Amino acid sequence: MTGFDWAALLRAGLRGAGLTPEAFWRLTPVELMLMLGVEAGAGPLTRGRLADLVAAFPDEGKG
């Protein structure tokens, strides 16, 4: 996994959506996705989906 493209997200939020920096950083990821038109196609959080998320976003260096 390479992480978030923060520059692209900031451009989309500040230029595309016309948000102030303060408003951008107060958004939750879900709010930002909705504003940018990203559909929540993953469906409900099932055991399999949770396992996929844990694999994609491990808690590295914790515990």
PDB file of N, CA and C in Angstrom:
ATOM      1  N   MET A   1       0.833  -1.174   0.000  1.00  0.00           N
ATOM      2  CA  MET A   1       0.000   0.000   0.000  1.00  0.00           C
ATOM      3  C   MET A   1       0.882   1.244   0.000  1.00  0.00           C
ATOM      4  N   THR A   2       0.521   2.243  -0.787  1.00  0.00           N
ATOM      5  CA  THR A   2       1.365   3.424  -0.905  1.00  0.00           C
ATOM      6  C   THR A   2       0.867   4.600  -0.082  1.00  0.00           C
ATOM      7  N   GLY A   3      -0.335   4.559   0.462  1.00  0.00           N
ATOM      8  CA  GLY A   3      -0.855   5.661   1.261  1.00  0.00           C
ATOM      9  C   GLY A   3      -1.741   6.589   0.453  1.00  0.00           C
ATOM     10  N   PHE A   4      -2.127   7.673   1.074  1.00  0.00           N
ATOM     11  CA  PHE A   4      -3.012   8.650   0.450  1.00  0.00           C
ATOM     12  C   PHE A   4      -2.231   9.615  -0.420  1.00  0.00           C
ATOM     13  N   ASP A   5      -2.839  10.060  -1.488  1.00  0.00           N
ATOM     14  CA  ASP A   5      -2.278  11.119  -2.332  1.00  0.00           C
ATOM     15  C   ASP A   5      -2.822  12.436  -1.780  1.00  0.00           C
ATOM     16  N   TRP A   6      -2.172  12.943  -0.726  1.00  0.00           N
ATOM     17  CA  TRP A   6      -2.679  14.128  -0.033  1.00  0.00           C
ATOM     18  C   TRP A   6      -2.745  15.351  -0.938  1.00  0.00           C
ATOM     19  N   ALA A   7      -1.779  15.501  -1.831  1.00  0.00           N
ATOM     20  CA  ALA A   7      -1.797  16.651  -2.733  1.00  0.00           C
ATOM     21  C   ALA A   7      -3.054  16.634  -3.599  1.00  0.00           C
ATOM     22  N   ALA A   8      -3.395  15.475  -4.134  1.00  0.00           N
ATOM     23  CA  ALA A   8      -4.595  15.363  -4.970  1.00  0.00           C
ATOM     24  C   ALA A   8      -5.858  15.594  -4.149  1.00  0.00           C
ATOM     25  N   LEU A   9      -5.895  15.060  -2.935  1.00  0.00           N
ATOM     26  CA  LEU A   9      -7.067  15.267  -2.076  1.00  0.00           C
ATOM     27  C   LEU A   9      -7.232  16.742  -1.708  1.00  0.00           C
ATOM     28  N   LEU A  10      -6.123  17.397  -1.390  1.00  0.00           N
ATOM     29  CA  LEU A  10      -6.186  18.823  -1.068  1.00  0.00           C
ATOM     30  C   LEU A  10      -6.651  19.644  -2.266  1.00  0.00           C
ATOM     31  N   ARG A  11      -6.119  19.328  -3.443  1.00  0.00           N
ATOM     32  CA  ARG A  11      -6.562  20.036  -4.656  1.00  0.00           C
ATOM     33  C   ARG A  11      -8.056  19.849  -4.869  1.00  0.00           C
ATOM     34  N   ALA A  12      -8.530  18.619  -4.729  1.00  0.00           N
ATOM     35  CA  ALA A  12      -9.949  18.344  -4.930  1.00  0.00           C
ATOM     36  C   ALA A  12     -10.802  19.075  -3.898  1.00  0.00           C
ATOM     37  N   GLY A  13     -10.347  19.091  -2.653  1.00  0.00           N
ATOM     38  CA  GLY A  13     -11.121  19.751  -1.604  1.00  0.00           C
ATOM     39  C   GLY A  13     -11.075  21.261  -1.673  1.00  0.00           C
ATOM     40  N   LEU A  14      -9.872  21.806  -1.870  1.00  0.00           N
ATOM     41  CA  LEU A  14      -9.718  23.261  -1.848  1.00  0.00           C
ATOM     42  C   LEU A  14     -10.132  23.906  -3.162  1.00  0.00           C
ATOM     43  N   ARG A  15      -9.637  23.376  -4.266  1.00  0.00           N
ATOM     44  CA  ARG A  15      -9.967  23.965  -5.567  1.00  0.00           C
ATOM     45  C   ARG A  15     -11.303  23.464  -6.092  1.00  0.00           C
ATOM     46  N   GLY A  16     -11.461  22.152  -6.090  1.00  0.00           N
ATOM     47  CA  GLY A  16     -12.661  21.556  -6.667  1.00  0.00           C
ATOM     48  C   GLY A  16     -13.921  21.819  -5.873  1.00  0.00           C
ATOM     49  N   ALA A  17     -13.862  21.626  -4.567  1.00  0.00           N
ATOM     50  CA  ALA A  17     -15.044  21.793  -3.724  1.00  0.00           C
ATOM     51  C   ALA A  17     -15.118  23.183  -3.099  1.00  0.00           C
ATOM     52  N   GLY A  18     -14.056  23.965  -3.232  1.00  0.00           N
ATOM     53  CA  GLY A  18     -14.062  25.321  -2.694  1.00  0.00           C
ATOM     54  C   GLY A  18     -14.012  25.399  -1.172  1.00  0.00           C
ATOM     55  N   LEU A  19     -13.458  24.386  -0.541  1.00  0.00           N
ATOM     56  CA  LEU A  19     -13.366  24.369   0.920  1.00  0.00           C
ATOM     57  C   LEU A  19     -12.198  25.221   1.402  1.00  0.00           C
ATOM     58  N   THR A  20     -12.311  25.736   2.602  1.00  0.00           N
ATOM     59  CA  THR A  20     -11.168  26.372   3.242  1.00  0.00           C
ATOM     60  C   THR A  20     -10.294  25.251   3.816  1.00  0.00           C
ATOM     61  N   PRO A  21      -9.017  25.524   4.065  1.00  0.00           N
ATOM     62  CA  PRO A  21      -8.186  24.474   4.670  1.00  0.00           C
ATOM     63  C   PRO A  21      -8.769  23.955   5.981  1.00  0.00           C
ATOM     64  N   GLU A  22      -9.285  24.856   6.806  1.00  0.00           N
ATOM     65  CA  GLU A  22      -9.871  24.421   8.082  1.00  0.00           C
ATOM     66  C   GLU A  22     -11.046  23.482   7.854  1.00  0.00           C
ATOM     67  N   ALA A  23     -11.928  23.815   6.919  1.00  0.00           N
ATOM     68  CA  ALA A  23     -13.084  22.960   6.630  1.00  0.00           C
ATOM     69  C   ALA A  23     -12.641  21.611   6.066  1.00  0.00           C
ATOM     70  N   PHE A  24     -11.614  21.628   5.210  1.00  0.00           N
ATOM     71  CA  PHE A  24     -11.110  20.379   4.639  1.00  0.00           C
ATOM     72  C   PHE A  24     -10.638  19.437   5.745  1.00  0.00           C
ATOM     73  N   TRP A  25      -9.816  19.943   6.667  1.00  0.00           N
ATOM     74  CA  TRP A  25      -9.233  19.084   7.697  1.00  0.00           C
ATOM     75  C   TRP A  25     -10.238  18.653   8.748  1.00  0.00           C
ATOM     76  N   ARG A  26     -11.395  19.297   8.808  1.00  0.00           N
ATOM     77  CA  ARG A  26     -12.438  18.890   9.751  1.00  0.00           C
ATOM     78  C   ARG A  26     -13.313  17.769   9.196  1.00  0.00           C
ATOM     79  N   LEU A  27     -13.252  17.533   7.883  1.00  0.00           N
ATOM     80  CA  LEU A  27     -14.061  16.483   7.272  1.00  0.00           C
ATOM     81  C   LEU A  27     -13.602  15.100   7.711  1.00  0.00           C
ATOM     82  N   THR A  28     -14.561  14.201   7.810  1.00  0.00           N
ATOM     83  CA  THR A  28     -14.210  12.798   7.993  1.00  0.00           C
ATOM     84  C   THR A  28     -13.910  12.224   6.614  1.00  0.00           C
ATOM     85  N   PRO A  29     -13.195  11.115   6.527  1.00  0.00           N
ATOM     86  CA  PRO A  29     -12.958  10.508   5.213  1.00  0.00           C
ATOM     87  C   PRO A  29     -14.249  10.210   4.451  1.00  0.00           C
ATOM     88  N   VAL A  30     -15.285   9.769   5.157  1.00  0.00           N
ATOM     89  CA  VAL A  30     -16.566   9.476   4.500  1.00  0.00           C
ATOM     90  C   VAL A  30     -17.176  10.748   3.922  1.00  0.00           C
ATOM     91  N   GLU A  31     -17.148  11.845   4.674  1.00  0.00           N
ATOM     92  CA  GLU A  31     -17.680  13.105   4.166  1.00  0.00           C
ATOM     93  C   GLU A  31     -16.928  13.566   2.923  1.00  0.00           C
ATOM     94  N   LEU A  32     -15.603  13.453   2.952  1.00  0.00           N
ATOM     95  CA  LEU A  32     -14.806  13.855   1.798  1.00  0.00           C
ATOM     96  C   LEU A  32     -15.129  12.984   0.584  1.00  0.00           C
ATOM     97  N   MET A  33     -15.240  11.684   0.788  1.00  0.00           N
ATOM     98  CA  MET A  33     -15.575  10.794  -0.314  1.00  0.00           C
ATOM     99  C   MET A  33     -16.922  11.145  -0.919  1.00  0.00           C
ATOM    100  N   LEU A  34     -17.909  11.427  -0.079  1.00  0.00           N
ATOM    101  CA  LEU A  34     -19.228  11.804  -0.582  1.00  0.00           C
ATOM    102  C   LEU A  34     -19.169  13.107  -1.365  1.00  0.00           C
ATOM    103  N   MET A  35     -18.429  14.086  -0.864  1.00  0.00           N
ATOM    104  CA  MET A  35     -18.304  15.366  -1.552  1.00  0.00           C
ATOM    105  C   MET A  35     -17.624  15.212  -2.904  1.00  0.00           C
ATOM    106  N   LEU A  36     -16.689  14.272  -3.005  1.00  0.00           N
ATOM    107  CA  LEU A  36     -15.957  14.063  -4.248  1.00  0.00           C
ATOM    108  C   LEU A  36     -16.678  13.102  -5.194  1.00  0.00           C
ATOM    109  N   GLY A  37     -17.828  12.593  -4.763  1.00  0.00           N
ATOM    110  CA  GLY A  37     -18.623  11.729  -5.633  1.00  0.00           C
ATOM    111  C   GLY A  37     -18.206  10.274  -5.633  1.00  0.00           C
ATOM    112  N   VAL A  38     -17.444   9.866  -4.637  1.00  0.00           N
ATOM    113  CA  VAL A  38     -17.040   8.459  -4.545  1.00  0.00           C
ATOM    114  C   VAL A  38     -18.182   7.685  -3.904  1.00  0.00           C
ATOM    115  N   GLU A  39     -18.680   6.709  -4.608  1.00  0.00           N
ATOM    116  CA  GLU A  39     -19.784   5.907  -4.086  1.00  0.00           C
ATOM    117  C   GLU A  39     -19.276   4.861  -3.110  1.00  0.00           C
ATOM    118  N   ALA A  40     -20.050   4.598  -2.094  1.00  0.00           N
ATOM    119  CA  ALA A  40     -19.695   3.582  -1.100  1.00  0.00           C
ATOM    120  C   ALA A  40     -20.169   2.223  -1.597  1.00  0.00           C
ATOM    121  N   GLY A  41     -19.424   1.635  -2.502  1.00  0.00           N
ATOM    122  CA  GLY A  41     -19.827   0.382  -3.107  1.00  0.00           C
ATOM    123  C   GLY A  41     -19.368  -0.849  -2.353  1.00  0.00           C
ATOM    124  N   ALA A  42     -18.695  -0.677  -1.244  1.00  0.00           N
ATOM    125  CA  ALA A  42     -18.160  -1.831  -0.520  1.00  0.00           C
ATOM    126  C   ALA A  42     -19.244  -2.608   0.205  1.00  0.00           C
ATOM    127  N   GLY A  43     -20.378  -2.003   0.463  1.00  0.00           N
ATOM    128  CA  GLY A  43     -21.457  -2.688   1.160  1.00  0.00           C
ATOM    129  C   GLY A  43     -21.228  -2.736   2.659  1.00  0.00           C
ATOM    130  N   PRO A  44     -22.001  -3.570   3.342  1.00  0.00           N
ATOM    131  CA  PRO A  44     -21.887  -3.651   4.805  1.00  0.00           C
ATOM    132  C   PRO A  44     -20.551  -4.247   5.230  1.00  0.00           C
ATOM    133  N   LEU A  45     -20.184  -3.953   6.451  1.00  0.00           N
ATOM    134  CA  LEU A  45     -18.921  -4.462   6.996  1.00  0.00           C
ATOM    135  C   LEU A  45     -19.135  -5.894   7.481  1.00  0.00           C
ATOM    136  N   THR A  46     -18.720  -6.829   6.669  1.00  0.00           N
ATOM    137  CA  THR A  46     -18.805  -8.250   7.015  1.00  0.00           C
ATOM    138  C   THR A  46     -17.452  -8.705   7.566  1.00  0.00           C
ATOM    139  N   ARG A  47     -17.395  -9.933   8.052  1.00  0.00           N
ATOM    140  CA  ARG A  47     -16.112 -10.467   8.540  1.00  0.00           C
ATOM    141  C   ARG A  47     -15.057 -10.439   7.444  1.00  0.00           C
ATOM    142  N   GLY A  48     -15.463 -10.821   6.244  1.00  0.00           N
ATOM    143  CA  GLY A  48     -14.522 -10.831   5.121  1.00  0.00           C
ATOM    144  C   GLY A  48     -14.022  -9.442   4.787  1.00  0.00           C
ATOM    145  N   ARG A  49     -14.927  -8.463   4.786  1.00  0.00           N
ATOM    146  CA  ARG A  49     -14.543  -7.075   4.496  1.00  0.00           C
ATOM    147  C   ARG A  49     -13.633  -6.541   5.600  1.00  0.00           C
ATOM    148  N   LEU A  50     -13.929  -6.879   6.858  1.00  0.00           N
ATOM    149  CA  LEU A  50     -13.075  -6.463   7.963  1.00  0.00           C
ATOM    150  C   LEU A  50     -11.683  -7.068   7.817  1.00  0.00           C
ATOM    151  N   ALA A  51     -11.608  -8.336   7.445  1.00  0.00           N
ATOM    152  CA  ALA A  51     -10.310  -8.983   7.237  1.00  0.00           C
ATOM    153  C   ALA A  51      -9.533  -8.282   6.119  1.00  0.00           C
ATOM    154  N   ASP A  52     -10.238  -7.881   5.054  1.00  0.00           N
ATOM    155  CA  ASP A  52      -9.591  -7.147   3.962  1.00  0.00           C
ATOM    156  C   ASP A  52      -9.034  -5.820   4.458  1.00  0.00           C
ATOM    157  N   LEU A  53      -9.805  -5.110   5.276  1.00  0.00           N
ATOM    158  CA  LEU A  53      -9.360  -3.820   5.807  1.00  0.00           C
ATOM    159  C   LEU A  53      -8.167  -3.975   6.743  1.00  0.00           C
ATOM    160  N   VAL A  54      -8.206  -4.996   7.592  1.00  0.00           N
ATOM    161  CA  VAL A  54      -7.088  -5.252   8.507  1.00  0.00           C
ATOM    162  C   VAL A  54      -5.826  -5.556   7.714  1.00  0.00           C
ATOM    163  N   ALA A  55      -5.966  -6.320   6.637  1.00  0.00           N
ATOM    164  CA  ALA A  55      -4.805  -6.639   5.807  1.00  0.00           C
ATOM    165  C   ALA A  55      -4.286  -5.400   5.077  1.00  0.00           C
ATOM    166  N   ALA A  56      -5.194  -4.541   4.631  1.00  0.00           N
ATOM    167  CA  ALA A  56      -4.801  -3.345   3.886  1.00  0.00           C
ATOM    168  C   ALA A  56      -4.226  -2.255   4.788  1.00  0.00           C
ATOM    169  N   PHE A  57      -4.686  -2.190   6.031  1.00  0.00           N
ATOM    170  CA  PHE A  57      -4.269  -1.126   6.954  1.00  0.00           C
ATOM    171  C   PHE A  57      -3.812  -1.721   8.283  1.00  0.00           C
ATOM    172  N   PRO A  58      -2.680  -2.436   8.281  1.00  0.00           N
ATOM    173  CA  PRO A  58      -2.214  -3.065   9.524  1.00  0.00           C
ATOM    174  C   PRO A  58      -1.744  -2.034  10.552  1.00  0.00           C
ATOM    175  N   ASP A  59      -1.854  -2.396  11.806  1.00  0.00           N
ATOM    176  CA  ASP A  59      -1.377  -1.531  12.902  1.00  0.00           C
ATOM    177  C   ASP A  59       0.108  -1.769  13.087  1.00  0.00           C
ATOM    178  N   GLU A  60       0.908  -1.256  12.182  1.00  0.00           N
ATOM    179  CA  GLU A  60       2.355  -1.457  12.222  1.00  0.00           C
ATOM    180  C   GLU A  60       2.980  -0.721  13.390  1.00  0.00           C
ATOM    181  N   GLY A  61       3.818  -1.407  14.102  1.00  0.00           N
ATOM    182  CA  GLY A  61       4.569  -0.787  15.184  1.00  0.00           C
ATOM    183  C   GLY A  61       3.768  -0.518  16.440  1.00  0.00           C
ATOM    184  N   LYS A  62       2.563  -1.046  16.519  1.00  0.00           N
ATOM    185  CA  LYS A  62       1.732  -0.852  17.720  1.00  0.00           C
ATOM    186  C   LYS A  62       1.615  -2.173  18.449  1.00  0.00           C
ATOM    187  N   GLY A  63       1.967  -2.153  19.727  1.00  0.00           N
ATOM    188  CA  GLY A  63       1.789  -3.334  20.550  1.00  0.00           C
ATOM    189  C   GLY A  63       2.784  -4.339  20.298  1.00  0.00           C
TER     190      GLY A  63
END
